[in-house]
Amino acid sequence: MQALEKGVFDYREVDNTDVEIQTFDGLALVNGTAEIKVVAREKEFLLRSRYTCVWVEGPEGWQFLAWQNTPIAS
């Protein structure tokens, strides 16, 4: 968290593909593939991963609850 606060990571672009959304009573599961361009310590990286995120519907609308990702080998 300190690295994010200090700006060590500069996320330049996120490209989501193969997105699937499943909704249940007050819950949404989102699965997909992400390619993320990020600069860290003055070097640009391309991160590829499959992800799952969980959203929950509450009194204030949809809120992000959890994220899990698995790197895809190049």
Protein backbone atom coordinates (compact mmCIF):
# COMPACT_ATOMS: atom_id res chain seq x y z
CA MET A 1 0.00 0.00 0.00
CA GLN A 2 2.86 2.38 0.73
CA ALA A 3 4.22 1.86 -2.79
CA LEU A 4 0.84 2.82 -4.26
CA GLU A 5 0.59 5.88 -2.03
CA LYS A 6 4.12 6.98 -3.00
CA GLY A 7 3.38 6.56 -6.71
CA VAL A 8 5.91 3.78 -7.27
CA PHE A 9 3.45 2.18 -9.71
CA ASP A 10 2.07 4.25 -12.57
CA TYR A 11 -0.76 2.34 -14.23
CA ARG A 12 -0.89 3.55 -17.84
CA GLU A 13 -3.53 1.37 -19.51
CA VAL A 14 -5.86 -1.52 -18.70
CA ASP A 15 -7.44 -3.62 -21.44
CA ASN A 16 -10.14 -6.07 -20.33
CA THR A 17 -11.26 -8.90 -22.63
CA ASP A 18 -13.29 -12.09 -22.33
CA VAL A 19 -15.39 -10.44 -19.61
CA GLU A 20 -18.19 -12.58 -18.16
CA ILE A 21 -20.61 -11.29 -15.55
CA GLN A 22 -22.81 -13.51 -13.43
CA THR A 23 -25.36 -11.92 -11.12
CA PHE A 24 -27.04 -13.41 -8.10
CA ASP A 25 -29.21 -11.89 -5.39
CA GLY A 26 -27.19 -8.78 -4.50
CA LEU A 27 -23.90 -10.25 -5.75
CA ALA A 28 -22.00 -10.09 -9.04
CA LEU A 29 -19.00 -12.16 -10.12
CA VAL A 30 -16.91 -10.70 -12.92
CA ASN A 31 -14.32 -12.87 -14.70
CA GLY A 32 -12.05 -11.84 -17.52
CA THR A 33 -8.59 -11.33 -18.92
CA ALA A 34 -6.61 -8.15 -18.32
CA GLU A 35 -3.54 -6.67 -19.94
CA ILE A 36 -2.13 -3.92 -17.76
CA LYS A 37 0.64 -1.51 -18.77
CA VAL A 38 2.41 -0.23 -15.69
CA VAL A 39 5.60 1.73 -15.08
CA ALA A 40 7.58 0.83 -11.97
CA ARG A 41 11.02 2.14 -11.13
CA GLU A 42 11.22 3.80 -14.54
CA LYS A 43 10.58 0.55 -16.47
CA GLU A 44 7.40 -0.32 -18.37
CA PHE A 45 5.85 -3.74 -17.85
CA LEU A 46 2.95 -5.54 -19.51
CA LEU A 47 1.10 -7.72 -17.03
CA ARG A 48 -1.31 -10.35 -18.35
CA SER A 49 -3.71 -12.13 -16.03
CA ARG A 50 -7.06 -13.83 -15.59
CA TYR A 51 -9.11 -12.25 -12.84
CA THR A 52 -12.22 -12.63 -10.76
CA CYS A 53 -13.75 -9.75 -8.87
CA VAL A 54 -16.74 -9.67 -6.58
CA TRP A 55 -19.26 -6.85 -6.29
CA VAL A 56 -22.01 -6.64 -3.69
CA GLU A 57 -25.14 -4.51 -3.86
CA GLY A 58 -25.81 -2.47 -0.75
CA PRO A 59 -27.83 0.56 0.32
CA GLU A 60 -25.47 2.89 -1.57
CA GLY A 61 -25.43 0.81 -4.76
CA TRP A 62 -22.82 -1.63 -6.07
CA GLN A 63 -19.56 -1.78 -4.13
CA PHE A 64 -16.33 -3.54 -4.99
CA LEU A 65 -15.61 -6.31 -2.48
CA ALA A 66 -12.75 -8.55 -3.63
CA TRP A 67 -10.23 -9.14 -6.43
CA GLN A 68 -8.12 -12.18 -7.32
CA ASN A 69 -5.87 -12.55 -10.32
CA THR A 70 -3.58 -15.23 -11.75
CA PRO A 71 -0.73 -14.29 -14.09
CA ILE A 72 -0.79 -15.70 -17.62
CA ALA A 73 2.59 -17.02 -18.73
CA SER A 74 4.00 -15.24 -21.78
